[in-house]
C-alpha atoms as a PDB file:
ATOM      1  CA  UNK A   1      74.872   4.444 -25.421  1.00  0.00           C
ATOM      2  CA  UNK A   2      73.419   7.121 -26.999  1.00  0.00           C
ATOM      3  CA  UNK A   3      75.858   9.373 -28.995  1.00  0.00           C
ATOM      4  CA  UNK A   4      75.928  13.277 -29.022  1.00  0.00           C
ATOM      5  CA  UNK A   5      75.008  15.765 -31.500  1.00  0.00           C
ATOM      6  CA  UNK A   6      78.054  17.250 -31.469  1.00  0.00           C
ATOM      7  CA  UNK A   7      79.702  13.501 -32.587  1.00  0.00           C
ATOM      8  CA  UNK A   8      77.181  12.596 -34.809  1.00  0.00           C
ATOM      9  CA  UNK A   9      76.887  15.591 -37.085  1.00  0.00           C
ATOM     10  CA  UNK A  10      80.523  15.563 -37.121  1.00  0.00           C
ATOM     11  CA  UNK A  11      82.049  14.590 -40.748  1.00  0.00           C
ATOM     12  CA  UNK A  12      84.249  11.932 -39.587  1.00  0.00           C
ATOM     13  CA  UNK A  13      81.306  10.415 -38.057  1.00  0.00           C
ATOM     14  CA  UNK A  14      79.366  10.826 -41.410  1.00  0.00           C
ATOM     15  CA  UNK A  15      81.480   8.949 -43.546  1.00  0.00           C
ATOM     16  CA  UNK A  16      81.648   6.225 -41.420  1.00  0.00           C
ATOM     17  CA  UNK A  17      80.490   2.419 -42.745  1.00  0.00           C
ATOM     18  CA  UNK A  18      80.723   2.896 -46.786  1.00  0.00           C
ATOM     19  CA  UNK A  19      80.870   0.016 -48.874  1.00  0.00           C
ATOM     20  CA  UNK A  20      78.666  -1.080 -51.789  1.00  0.00           C
ATOM     21  CA  UNK A  21      76.554   0.727 -53.809  1.00  0.00           C
ATOM     22  CA  UNK A  22      73.074  -0.347 -51.856  1.00  0.00           C
ATOM     23  CA  UNK A  23      75.334   1.054 -48.616  1.00  0.00           C
ATOM     24  CA  UNK A  24      76.276   4.244 -50.571  1.00  0.00           C
ATOM     25  CA  UNK A  25      72.673   5.162 -51.567  1.00  0.00           C
ATOM     26  CA  UNK A  26      71.438   4.132 -48.061  1.00  0.00           C
ATOM     27  CA  UNK A  27      74.758   6.581 -46.604  1.00  0.00           C
ATOM     28  CA  UNK A  28      73.194   9.465 -49.231  1.00  0.00           C
ATOM     29  CA  UNK A  29      69.763   9.147 -47.668  1.00  0.00           C
ATOM     30  CA  UNK A  30      71.110   9.193 -44.521  1.00  0.00           C
ATOM     31  CA  UNK A  31      73.310  11.845 -45.102  1.00  0.00           C
ATOM     32  CA  UNK A  32      70.325  13.900 -46.671  1.00  0.00           C
ATOM     33  CA  UNK A  33      68.451  13.261 -43.056  1.00  0.00           C
ATOM     34  CA  UNK A  34      71.362  14.108 -40.923  1.00  0.00           C
ATOM     35  CA  UNK A  35      71.841  17.373 -42.786  1.00  0.00           C
ATOM     36  CA  UNK A  36      68.396  18.515 -41.501  1.00  0.00           C
ATOM     37  CA  UNK A  37      68.863  17.324 -38.453  1.00  0.00           C
ATOM     38  CA  UNK A  38      72.703  18.809 -37.541  1.00  0.00           C
ATOM     39  CA  UNK A  39      70.978  22.034 -39.469  1.00  0.00           C
ATOM     40  CA  UNK A  40      68.277  21.850 -36.823  1.00  0.00           C
ATOM     41  CA  UNK A  41      70.606  21.309 -33.928  1.00  0.00           C
ATOM     42  CA  UNK A  42      72.571  24.026 -34.710  1.00  0.00           C
ATOM     43  CA  UNK A  43      70.250  26.721 -35.394  1.00  0.00           C
ATOM     44  CA  UNK A  44      69.992  30.196 -35.717  1.00  0.00           C
ATOM     45  CA  UNK A  45      73.608  30.438 -37.519  1.00  0.00           C
ATOM     46  CA  UNK A  46      71.798  33.651 -38.972  1.00  0.00           C
ATOM     47  CA  UNK A  47      69.429  36.298 -38.730  1.00  0.00           C
ATOM     48  CA  UNK A  48      65.588  35.246 -39.285  1.00  0.00           C
ATOM     49  CA  UNK A  49      63.195  37.180 -41.191  1.00  0.00           C
ATOM     50  CA  UNK A  50      59.606  37.668 -40.832  1.00  0.00           C
ATOM     51  CA  UNK A  51      57.573  38.212 -43.637  1.00  0.00           C
ATOM     52  CA  UNK A  52      54.549  40.181 -42.896  1.00  0.00           C
ATOM     53  CA  UNK A  53      51.739  40.758 -45.137  1.00  0.00           C
ATOM     54  CA  UNK A  54      50.771  44.573 -43.818  1.00  0.00           C
ATOM     55  CA  UNK A  55      52.426  48.025 -44.218  1.00  0.00           C
ATOM     56  CA  UNK A  56      54.735  49.521 -41.831  1.00  0.00           C
ATOM     57  CA  UNK A  57      52.857  51.581 -39.266  1.00  0.00           C
ATOM     58  CA  UNK A  58      49.947  49.243 -39.359  1.00  0.00           C
ATOM     59  CA  UNK A  59      48.641  47.680 -36.208  1.00  0.00           C
ATOM     60  CA  UNK A  60      50.824  43.988 -36.598  1.00  0.00           C
ATOM     61  CA  UNK A  61      53.725  45.913 -37.899  1.00  0.00           C
ATOM     62  CA  UNK A  62      53.647  48.029 -35.069  1.00  0.00           C
ATOM     63  CA  UNK A  63      52.888  44.864 -32.106  1.00  0.00           C
ATOM     64  CA  UNK A  64      55.833  42.946 -34.169  1.00  0.00           C
ATOM     65  CA  UNK A  65      58.071  45.503 -33.965  1.00  0.00           C
ATOM     66  CA  UNK A  66      57.973  45.509 -30.136  1.00  0.00           C
ATOM     67  CA  UNK A  67      58.055  41.803 -29.810  1.00  0.00           C
ATOM     68  CA  UNK A  68      60.826  41.379 -32.399  1.00  0.00           C
ATOM     69  CA  UNK A  69      63.961  42.242 -30.092  1.00  0.00           C
ATOM     70  CA  UNK A  70      63.139  39.978 -27.525  1.00  0.00           C
ATOM     71  CA  UNK A  71      62.588  37.185 -30.016  1.00  0.00           C
ATOM     72  CA  UNK A  72      66.093  38.351 -31.428  1.00  0.00           C
ATOM     73  CA  UNK A  73      67.691  38.430 -27.785  1.00  0.00           C
ATOM     74  CA  UNK A  74      66.351  34.806 -27.188  1.00  0.00           C
ATOM     75  CA  UNK A  75      67.549  33.238 -30.587  1.00  0.00           C
ATOM     76  CA  UNK A  76      71.148  35.042 -30.082  1.00  0.00           C
ATOM     77  CA  UNK A  77      70.368  35.996 -34.029  1.00  0.00           C
ATOM     78  CA  UNK A  78      68.803  38.959 -35.133  1.00  0.00           C
ATOM     79  CA  UNK A  79      64.690  38.628 -36.212  1.00  0.00           C
ATOM     80  CA  UNK A  80      64.330  41.139 -39.061  1.00  0.00           C
ATOM     81  CA  UNK A  81      61.001  42.281 -40.104  1.00  0.00           C
ATOM     82  CA  UNK A  82      60.157  42.448 -43.594  1.00  0.00           C
ATOM     83  CA  UNK A  83      56.816  44.357 -44.841  1.00  0.00           C
ATOM     84  CA  UNK A  84      55.282  42.643 -48.028  1.00  0.00           C
ATOM     85  CA  UNK A  85      51.822  43.924 -47.864  1.00  0.00           C
ATOM     86  CA  UNK A  86      48.874  43.415 -50.663  1.00  0.00           C
ATOM     87  CA  UNK A  87      47.066  40.547 -51.910  1.00  0.00           C
ATOM     88  CA  UNK A  88      45.406  39.527 -48.908  1.00  0.00           C
ATOM     89  CA  UNK A  89      48.548  38.537 -47.929  1.00  0.00           C
ATOM     90  CA  UNK A  90      49.603  36.104 -51.067  1.00  0.00           C
ATOM     91  CA  UNK A  91      52.655  38.591 -51.897  1.00  0.00           C
ATOM     92  CA  UNK A  92      53.654  37.802 -48.107  1.00  0.00           C
ATOM     93  CA  UNK A  93      53.027  34.165 -48.477  1.00  0.00           C
ATOM     94  CA  UNK A  94      54.780  33.396 -51.901  1.00  0.00           C
ATOM     95  CA  UNK A  95      57.895  34.887 -50.635  1.00  0.00           C
ATOM     96  CA  UNK A  96      58.602  32.812 -47.958  1.00  0.00           C
ATOM     97  CA  UNK A  97      57.104  29.386 -49.864  1.00  0.00           C
ATOM     98  CA  UNK A  98      59.936  30.533 -52.627  1.00  0.00           C
ATOM     99  CA  UNK A  99      62.294  30.267 -49.349  1.00  0.00           C
ATOM    100  CA  UNK A 100      63.854  27.093 -48.565  1.00  0.00           C
ATOM    101  CA  UNK A 101      61.603  25.236 -45.551  1.00  0.00           C
ATOM    102  CA  UNK A 102      64.861  26.241 -43.079  1.00  0.00           C
ATOM    103  CA  UNK A 103      63.319  28.267 -40.220  1.00  0.00           C
ATOM    104  CA  UNK A 104      65.258  31.419 -41.541  1.00  0.00           C
ATOM    105  CA  UNK A 105      62.468  32.964 -43.232  1.00  0.00           C
ATOM    106  CA  UNK A 106      59.247  32.949 -41.737  1.00  0.00           C
ATOM    107  CA  UNK A 107      55.328  34.190 -42.105  1.00  0.00           C
ATOM    108  CA  UNK A 108      53.213  36.238 -39.966  1.00  0.00           C
ATOM    109  CA  UNK A 109      49.870  34.523 -40.796  1.00  0.00           C
ATOM    110  CA  UNK A 110      46.816  35.832 -39.671  1.00  0.00           C
ATOM    111  CA  UNK A 111      42.640  35.923 -40.057  1.00  0.00           C
ATOM    112  CA  UNK A 112      43.408  37.504 -43.117  1.00  0.00           C
ATOM    113  CA  UNK A 113      46.103  34.941 -44.687  1.00  0.00           C
ATOM    114  CA  UNK A 114      44.324  31.583 -42.585  1.00  0.00           C
ATOM    115  CA  UNK A 115      40.968  32.853 -42.488  1.00  0.00           C
ATOM    116  CA  UNK A 116      39.472  35.305 -44.728  1.00  0.00           C
ATOM    117  CA  UNK A 117      41.617  35.403 -47.875  1.00  0.00           C
ATOM    118  CA  UNK A 118      40.891  31.652 -49.011  1.00  0.00           C
ATOM    119  CA  UNK A 119      37.418  31.940 -48.898  1.00  0.00           C
ATOM    120  CA  UNK A 120      37.627  35.744 -50.788  1.00  0.00           C
ATOM    121  CA  UNK A 121      40.051  35.282 -53.580  1.00  0.00           C
ATOM    122  CA  UNK A 122      40.085  32.665 -56.437  1.00  0.00           C
ATOM    123  CA  UNK A 123      42.960  32.619 -57.789  1.00  0.00           C
ATOM    124  CA  UNK A 124      44.770  32.580 -53.843  1.00  0.00           C
ATOM    125  CA  UNK A 125      48.137  30.648 -54.516  1.00  0.00           C
ATOM    126  CA  UNK A 126      48.346  28.470 -51.358  1.00  0.00           C
ATOM    127  CA  UNK A 127      46.502  25.865 -49.048  1.00  0.00           C
ATOM    128  CA  UNK A 128      47.284  27.742 -45.815  1.00  0.00           C
ATOM    129  CA  UNK A 129      47.301  24.169 -43.678  1.00  0.00           C
ATOM    130  CA  UNK A 130      49.058  22.368 -46.474  1.00  0.00           C
ATOM    131  CA  UNK A 131      51.558  24.931 -47.358  1.00  0.00           C
ATOM    132  CA  UNK A 132      52.601  25.987 -43.904  1.00  0.00           C
ATOM    133  CA  UNK A 133      53.126  24.942 -40.217  1.00  0.00           C
ATOM    134  CA  UNK A 134      52.145  26.691 -37.398  1.00  0.00           C
ATOM    135  CA  UNK A 135      54.598  27.689 -34.831  1.00  0.00           C
ATOM    136  CA  UNK A 136      52.933  30.070 -31.955  1.00  0.00           C
ATOM    137  CA  UNK A 137      50.414  32.674 -31.991  1.00  0.00           C
ATOM    138  CA  UNK A 138      51.786  36.536 -31.429  1.00  0.00           C
ATOM    139  CA  UNK A 139      48.866  38.330 -30.379  1.00  0.00           C
ATOM    140  CA  UNK A 140      45.417  38.668 -30.542  1.00  0.00           C
ATOM    141  CA  UNK A 141      43.436  41.805 -30.159  1.00  0.00           C
ATOM    142  CA  UNK A 142      39.664  43.193 -29.934  1.00  0.00           C
ATOM    143  CA  UNK A 143      39.022  46.202 -32.160  1.00  0.00           C
ATOM    144  CA  UNK A 144      37.551  49.533 -31.323  1.00  0.00           C
ATOM    145  CA  UNK A 145      34.647  51.122 -33.862  1.00  0.00           C
ATOM    146  CA  UNK A 146      35.641  54.489 -34.386  1.00  0.00           C
ATOM    147  CA  UNK A 147      34.221  57.543 -36.411  1.00  0.00           C
ATOM    148  CA  UNK A 148      35.309  61.096 -37.071  1.00  0.00           C
ATOM    149  CA  UNK A 149      34.643  63.209 -34.425  1.00  0.00           C
ATOM    150  CA  UNK A 150      33.460  65.549 -36.801  1.00  0.00           C
ATOM    151  CA  UNK A 151      30.291  63.286 -37.772  1.00  0.00           C
ATOM    152  CA  UNK A 152      29.516  64.097 -33.597  1.00  0.00           C
ATOM    153  CA  UNK A 153      28.127  60.451 -33.376  1.00  0.00           C
ATOM    154  CA  UNK A 154      28.845  59.654 -29.723  1.00  0.00           C
ATOM    155  CA  UNK A 155      26.903  55.542 -29.964  1.00  0.00           C
ATOM    156  CA  UNK A 156      26.577  52.814 -32.237  1.00  0.00           C
ATOM    157  CA  UNK A 157      22.907  53.438 -32.438  1.00  0.00           C
ATOM    158  CA  UNK A 158      23.943  57.276 -33.491  1.00  0.00           C
ATOM    159  CA  UNK A 159      26.013  55.701 -36.566  1.00  0.00           C
ATOM    160  CA  UNK A 160      22.665  52.923 -37.176  1.00  0.00           C
ATOM    161  CA  UNK A 161      20.530  56.511 -37.498  1.00  0.00           C
ATOM    162  CA  UNK A 162      22.798  58.629 -39.151  1.00  0.00           C
ATOM    163  CA  UNK A 163      23.215  55.117 -41.694  1.00  0.00           C
ATOM    164  CA  UNK A 164      19.733  55.195 -42.456  1.00  0.00           C
ATOM    165  CA  UNK A 165      19.389  58.541 -42.716  1.00  0.00           C
ATOM    166  CA  UNK A 166      22.289  59.175 -45.261  1.00  0.00           C
ATOM    167  CA  UNK A 167      21.590  59.868 -48.789  1.00  0.00           C
ATOM    168  CA  UNK A 168      25.178  59.742 -49.869  1.00  0.00           C
ATOM    169  CA  UNK A 169      27.021  56.178 -49.471  1.00  0.00           C
ATOM    170  CA  UNK A 170      28.492  55.193 -45.930  1.00  0.00           C
ATOM    171  CA  UNK A 171      31.594  53.619 -46.046  1.00  0.00           C
ATOM    172  CA  UNK A 172      33.704  51.840 -43.701  1.00  0.00           C
ATOM    173  CA  UNK A 173      37.611  51.404 -44.007  1.00  0.00           C
ATOM    174  CA  UNK A 174      39.744  48.611 -43.619  1.00  0.00           C
ATOM    175  CA  UNK A 175      43.693  47.940 -44.227  1.00  0.00           C
ATOM    176  CA  UNK A 176      42.925  45.654 -47.517  1.00  0.00           C
ATOM    177  CA  UNK A 177      40.465  43.066 -49.010  1.00  0.00           C
ATOM    178  CA  UNK A 178      40.295  40.076 -46.142  1.00  0.00           C
ATOM    179  CA  UNK A 179      41.992  41.998 -43.282  1.00  0.00           C
ATOM    180  CA  UNK A 180      39.893  42.003 -39.888  1.00  0.00           C
ATOM    181  CA  UNK A 181      39.140  45.970 -40.701  1.00  0.00           C
ATOM    182  CA  UNK A 182      37.037  44.594 -43.555  1.00  0.00           C
ATOM    183  CA  UNK A 183      35.555  41.759 -42.081  1.00  0.00           C
ATOM    184  CA  UNK A 184      34.464  43.086 -38.901  1.00  0.00           C
ATOM    185  CA  UNK A 185      32.803  46.075 -40.892  1.00  0.00           C
ATOM    186  CA  UNK A 186      31.132  43.111 -43.121  1.00  0.00           C
ATOM    187  CA  UNK A 187      29.865  41.176 -39.527  1.00  0.00           C
ATOM    188  CA  UNK A 188      28.530  44.627 -38.854  1.00  0.00           C
ATOM    189  CA  UNK A 189      26.560  44.998 -42.370  1.00  0.00           C
ATOM    190  CA  UNK A 190      25.427  41.614 -41.770  1.00  0.00           C
ATOM    191  CA  UNK A 191      24.041  42.465 -38.411  1.00  0.00           C
ATOM    192  CA  UNK A 192      22.387  45.562 -39.137  1.00  0.00           C
ATOM    193  CA  UNK A 193      20.943  45.058 -42.414  1.00  0.00           C
ATOM    194  CA  UNK A 194      22.691  48.426 -43.650  1.00  0.00           C
ATOM    195  CA  UNK A 195      23.992  49.122 -47.183  1.00  0.00           C
ATOM    196  CA  UNK A 196      27.325  49.991 -46.582  1.00  0.00           C
ATOM    197  CA  UNK A 197      30.638  50.285 -49.101  1.00  0.00           C
ATOM    198  CA  UNK A 198      33.741  49.116 -48.347  1.00  0.00           C
ATOM    199  CA  UNK A 199      36.768  51.249 -49.098  1.00  0.00           C
ATOM    200  CA  UNK A 200      39.928  49.594 -48.730  1.00  0.00           C
ATOM    201  CA  UNK A 201      43.693  51.023 -48.023  1.00  0.00           C
ATOM    202  CA  UNK A 202      47.274  49.553 -48.604  1.00  0.00           C
ATOM    203  CA  UNK A 203      48.211  52.112 -46.313  1.00  0.00           C
ATOM    204  CA  UNK A 204      46.367  52.480 -42.593  1.00  0.00           C
ATOM    205  CA  UNK A 205      47.926  55.569 -41.820  1.00  0.00           C
ATOM    206  CA  UNK A 206      46.081  56.583 -45.212  1.00  0.00           C
ATOM    207  CA  UNK A 207      43.129  54.762 -44.299  1.00  0.00           C
ATOM    208  CA  UNK A 208      42.970  56.720 -40.445  1.00  0.00           C
ATOM    209  CA  UNK A 209      43.826  60.282 -42.318  1.00  0.00           C
ATOM    210  CA  UNK A 210      40.774  60.124 -44.184  1.00  0.00           C
ATOM    211  CA  UNK A 211      38.407  58.543 -41.244  1.00  0.00           C
ATOM    212  CA  UNK A 212      40.040  61.477 -39.273  1.00  0.00           C
ATOM    213  CA  UNK A 213      38.610  63.599 -41.918  1.00  0.00           C
ATOM    214  CA  UNK A 214      35.058  62.099 -42.302  1.00  0.00           C
ATOM    215  CA  UNK A 215      35.866  61.390 -45.890  1.00  0.00           C
ATOM    216  CA  UNK A 216      34.863  57.662 -44.715  1.00  0.00           C
ATOM    217  CA  UNK A 217      32.270  56.996 -41.972  1.00  0.00           C
ATOM    218  CA  UNK A 218      34.184  54.586 -39.949  1.00  0.00           C
ATOM    219  CA  UNK A 219      36.796  51.931 -38.951  1.00  0.00           C
ATOM    220  CA  UNK A 220      37.112  49.328 -36.595  1.00  0.00           C
ATOM    221  CA  UNK A 221      40.741  48.956 -35.954  1.00  0.00           C
ATOM    222  CA  UNK A 222      42.857  47.905 -33.327  1.00  0.00           C
ATOM    223  CA  UNK A 223      43.069  50.946 -30.347  1.00  0.00           C
ATOM    224  CA  UNK A 224      47.222  50.934 -29.911  1.00  0.00           C
ATOM    225  CA  UNK A 225      47.469  52.415 -33.821  1.00  0.00           C
ATOM    226  CA  UNK A 226      44.219  54.550 -32.867  1.00  0.00           C
ATOM    227  CA  UNK A 227      45.221  56.002 -29.380  1.00  0.00           C
ATOM    228  CA  UNK A 228      47.031  59.097 -30.988  1.00  0.00           C
ATOM    229  CA  UNK A 229      43.967  60.316 -32.806  1.00  0.00           C
ATOM    230  CA  UNK A 230      41.479  59.765 -30.210  1.00  0.00           C
ATOM    231  CA  UNK A 231      43.600  61.398 -27.683  1.00  0.00           C
ATOM    232  CA  UNK A 232      43.865  64.184 -29.784  1.00  0.00           C
ATOM    233  CA  UNK A 233      40.207  64.277 -30.023  1.00  0.00           C
ATOM    234  CA  UNK A 234      40.069  63.789 -33.817  1.00  0.00           C
ATOM    235  CA  UNK A 235      37.867  60.227 -33.284  1.00  0.00           C
ATOM    236  CA  UNK A 236      35.411  59.218 -31.328  1.00  0.00           C
ATOM    237  CA  UNK A 237      34.929  55.830 -29.879  1.00  0.00           C
ATOM    238  CA  UNK A 238      31.445  54.064 -30.280  1.00  0.00           C
ATOM    239  CA  UNK A 239      32.743  50.479 -28.797  1.00  0.00           C
ATOM    240  CA  UNK A 240      34.535  47.509 -28.932  1.00  0.00           C
ATOM    241  CA  UNK A 241      34.334  43.904 -30.241  1.00  0.00           C
ATOM    242  CA  UNK A 242      35.408  42.030 -27.722  1.00  0.00           C
ATOM    243  CA  UNK A 243      33.064  39.944 -25.184  1.00  0.00           C
ATOM    244  CA  UNK A 244      33.958  42.211 -22.388  1.00  0.00           C
ATOM    245  CA  UNK A 245      35.157  46.295 -21.518  1.00  0.00           C
ATOM    246  CA  UNK A 246      38.326  46.912 -22.161  1.00  0.00           C
ATOM    247  CA  UNK A 247      40.511  48.004 -19.660  1.00  0.00           C
ATOM    248  CA  UNK A 248      42.259  50.959 -22.025  1.00  0.00           C
ATOM    249  CA  UNK A 249      38.519  52.380 -22.743  1.00  0.00           C
ATOM    250  CA  UNK A 250      36.780  51.031 -19.460  1.00  0.00           C
ATOM    251  CA  UNK A 251      33.842  54.045 -20.787  1.00  0.00           C
ATOM    252  CA  UNK A 252      33.477  52.196 -24.343  1.00  0.00           C
ATOM    253  CA  UNK A 253      30.554  49.337 -24.553  1.00  0.00           C
ATOM    254  CA  UNK A 254      30.739  46.688 -26.397  1.00  0.00           C
ATOM    255  CA  UNK A 255      28.667  45.971 -29.779  1.00  0.00           C
ATOM    256  CA  UNK A 256      26.888  43.412 -27.614  1.00  0.00           C
ATOM    257  CA  UNK A 257      26.164  46.138 -24.803  1.00  0.00           C
ATOM    258  CA  UNK A 258      25.499  48.525 -27.842  1.00  0.00           C
ATOM    259  CA  UNK A 259      22.765  46.566 -29.237  1.00  0.00           C
ATOM    260  CA  UNK A 260      24.341  44.388 -31.866  1.00  0.00           C
ATOM    261  CA  UNK A 261      23.763  40.772 -31.065  1.00  0.00           C
ATOM    262  CA  UNK A 262      26.485  37.884 -31.401  1.00  0.00           C
ATOM    263  CA  UNK A 263      29.017  40.560 -32.473  1.00  0.00           C
ATOM    264  CA  UNK A 264      32.015  39.434 -30.804  1.00  0.00           C
ATOM    265  CA  UNK A 265      35.129  39.705 -32.939  1.00  0.00           C
ATOM    266  CA  UNK A 266      38.499  39.765 -32.937  1.00  0.00           C
ATOM    267  CA  UNK A 267      42.078  39.470 -34.420  1.00  0.00           C
ATOM    268  CA  UNK A 268      45.025  37.546 -34.108  1.00  0.00           C
ATOM    269  CA  UNK A 269      48.232  36.880 -35.998  1.00  0.00           C
ATOM    270  CA  UNK A 270      50.792  34.433 -35.217  1.00  0.00           C
ATOM    271  CA  UNK A 271      54.231  32.774 -37.079  1.00  0.00           C
ATOM    272  CA  UNK A 272      54.101  29.733 -39.661  1.00  0.00           C
ATOM    273  CA  UNK A 273      56.750  28.497 -41.277  1.00  0.00           C
ATOM    274  CA  UNK A 274      57.246  26.286 -44.665  1.00  0.00           C
ATOM    275  CA  UNK A 275      55.871  22.738 -44.807  1.00  0.00           C
ATOM    276  CA  UNK A 276      58.692  20.595 -43.879  1.00  0.00           C
ATOM    277  CA  UNK A 277      60.707  22.972 -41.793  1.00  0.00           C
ATOM    278  CA  UNK A 278      62.311  20.897 -39.328  1.00  0.00           C
ATOM    279  CA  UNK A 279      60.530  20.269 -35.910  1.00  0.00           C
ATOM    280  CA  UNK A 280      62.740  21.057 -33.987  1.00  0.00           C
ATOM    281  CA  UNK A 281      63.655  24.401 -35.550  1.00  0.00           C
ATOM    282  CA  UNK A 282      59.790  24.983 -35.479  1.00  0.00           C
ATOM    283  CA  UNK A 283      60.248  24.188 -31.222  1.00  0.00           C
ATOM    284  CA  UNK A 284      62.844  26.801 -31.296  1.00  0.00           C
ATOM    285  CA  UNK A 285      60.894  29.314 -33.241  1.00  0.00           C
ATOM    286  CA  UNK A 286      58.442  28.946 -30.639  1.00  0.00           C
ATOM    287  CA  UNK A 287      60.520  29.148 -27.799  1.00  0.00           C
ATOM    288  CA  UNK A 288      61.352  32.619 -29.020  1.00  0.00           C
ATOM    289  CA  UNK A 289      57.816  33.668 -29.457  1.00  0.00           C
ATOM    290  CA  UNK A 290      57.200  32.554 -26.327  1.00  0.00           C
ATOM    291  CA  UNK A 291      59.725  34.441 -24.537  1.00  0.00           C
ATOM    292  CA  UNK A 292      59.023  37.628 -26.164  1.00  0.00           C
ATOM    293  CA  UNK A 293      55.207  37.408 -25.533  1.00  0.00           C
ATOM    294  CA  UNK A 294      55.556  36.250 -21.662  1.00  0.00           C
ATOM    295  CA  UNK A 295      58.221  38.907 -21.605  1.00  0.00           C
ATOM    296  CA  UNK A 296      56.744  41.407 -18.351  1.00  0.00           C
ATOM    297  CA  UNK A 297      57.766  44.822 -19.941  1.00  0.00           C
ATOM    298  CA  UNK A 298      56.515  43.719 -23.336  1.00  0.00           C
ATOM    299  CA  UNK A 299      53.132  42.095 -22.128  1.00  0.00           C
ATOM    300  CA  UNK A 300      52.492  45.272 -20.179  1.00  0.00           C
ATOM    301  CA  UNK A 301      53.145  47.913 -22.275  1.00  0.00           C
ATOM    302  CA  UNK A 302      51.397  46.156 -25.152  1.00  0.00           C
ATOM    303  CA  UNK A 303      48.461  44.878 -23.164  1.00  0.00           C
ATOM    304  CA  UNK A 304      48.212  48.778 -22.602  1.00  0.00           C
ATOM    305  CA  UNK A 305      46.698  49.137 -25.790  1.00  0.00           C
ATOM    306  CA  UNK A 306      44.843  45.986 -26.075  1.00  0.00           C
ATOM    307  CA  UNK A 307      46.764  43.398 -27.154  1.00  0.00           C
ATOM    308  CA  UNK A 308      47.442  40.019 -25.649  1.00  0.00           C
ATOM    309  CA  UNK A 309      50.735  38.165 -26.165  1.00  0.00           C
ATOM    310  CA  UNK A 310      49.786  35.362 -24.238  1.00  0.00           C
ATOM    311  CA  UNK A 311      51.827  32.957 -27.256  1.00  0.00           C
ATOM    312  CA  UNK A 312      50.426  29.447 -27.975  1.00  0.00           C
ATOM    313  CA  UNK A 313      51.872  25.978 -28.696  1.00  0.00           C
ATOM    314  CA  UNK A 314      51.972  24.893 -32.451  1.00  0.00           C
ATOM    315  CA  UNK A 315      49.223  22.585 -32.265  1.00  0.00           C
ATOM    316  CA  UNK A 316      46.816  25.228 -30.094  1.00  0.00           C
ATOM    317  CA  UNK A 317      47.789  27.941 -33.402  1.00  0.00           C
ATOM    318  CA  UNK A 318      46.691  25.243 -35.956  1.00  0.00           C
ATOM    319  CA  UNK A 319      43.150  24.707 -34.045  1.00  0.00           C
ATOM    320  CA  UNK A 320      42.520  28.637 -33.972  1.00  0.00           C
ATOM    321  CA  UNK A 321      42.917  28.957 -37.732  1.00  0.00           C
ATOM    322  CA  UNK A 322      40.983  25.777 -38.460  1.00  0.00           C
ATOM    323  CA  UNK A 323      38.076  27.140 -36.173  1.00  0.00           C
ATOM    324  CA  UNK A 324      38.482  31.063 -37.630  1.00  0.00           C
ATOM    325  CA  UNK A 325      38.614  29.489 -40.883  1.00  0.00           C
ATOM    326  CA  UNK A 326      35.390  27.853 -41.133  1.00  0.00           C
ATOM    327  CA  UNK A 327      34.238  30.796 -38.791  1.00  0.00           C
ATOM    328  CA  UNK A 328      34.569  32.941 -41.473  1.00  0.00           C
ATOM    329  CA  UNK A 329      33.482  30.803 -44.369  1.00  0.00           C
ATOM    330  CA  UNK A 330      29.535  30.768 -42.891  1.00  0.00           C
ATOM    331  CA  UNK A 331      30.142  34.489 -42.336  1.00  0.00           C
ATOM    332  CA  UNK A 332      31.396  35.019 -46.252  1.00  0.00           C
ATOM    333  CA  UNK A 333      28.550  32.193 -47.113  1.00  0.00           C
ATOM    334  CA  UNK A 334      25.802  34.061 -45.424  1.00  0.00           C
ATOM    335  CA  UNK A 335      26.937  37.514 -47.004  1.00  0.00           C
ATOM    336  CA  UNK A 336      26.545  35.877 -50.336  1.00  0.00           C
ATOM    337  CA  UNK A 337      30.390  36.645 -51.183  1.00  0.00           C
ATOM    338  CA  UNK A 338      32.267  34.029 -53.144  1.00  0.00           C
ATOM    339  CA  UNK A 339      36.016  34.288 -53.949  1.00  0.00           C
ATOM    340  CA  UNK A 340      36.833  35.839 -57.372  1.00  0.00           C
END
């Protein structure tokens, strides 16, 4: 007969069978494993902190804060968002890795932390595929290529002509070194042969202000964060980066349609837990992410801004992040970029 989990985890059951040093040592080891199993069985009994490597108001922050209430509802405990921007994800990653692997402090990994930063930073403090275990993909999205409306650029061809004729540096903004906006700008530079200047910001809001006034030339960014400025006529959309036209910008061509070959780039982020987090906890967190991403209201609302919340299994997220890791390595190698 198989014992119930509440029977196994009871104090009385843990004290049975004492006798002799060998038995005592065996019991101690067994109790340590049992403690982890019991903790996983009860999980969660307190709030879960999701540490994200981007600042308040960033695209990822906006999306995660829409998903968090449904995750809270599923888990029965609050999911608290903690912003730790900077360092290409290093600061947030270190905060999570310094916490116990018990599922109460988890990391929002992304194309930055798991695909870009390992190739850009010589001093990165973690090995993403050893330090973390995947939980579930939370969202993916293409970006829009936008410029200030004051520049009067309507197409990608207009931007190319402007860049080639400009005597001043042609700049593109991003949410930081290794962010998707940085990588997409680098890919654009690589695909067109332009000489561009990358301007990283710690605050996406500041980047958008400078973009709208023409202080930086262009930016690749997610539509839901750009939408208010687009609707206000401050930004012009030239193209989108996905494989097909987006329903939220049906008149905007893809970069492929705009004449930039092989330019299909999308961004994603997902939940990761520290290595050695119990499998049962990982499974429980993955279930909560799926419940949030599959919620019809959440999915519909975020899809209107170009965000796909279809969740994944841990194995699918692992395969995605490893594939992206290799793709980014090839991009940086082609561009002659080495870790610094």
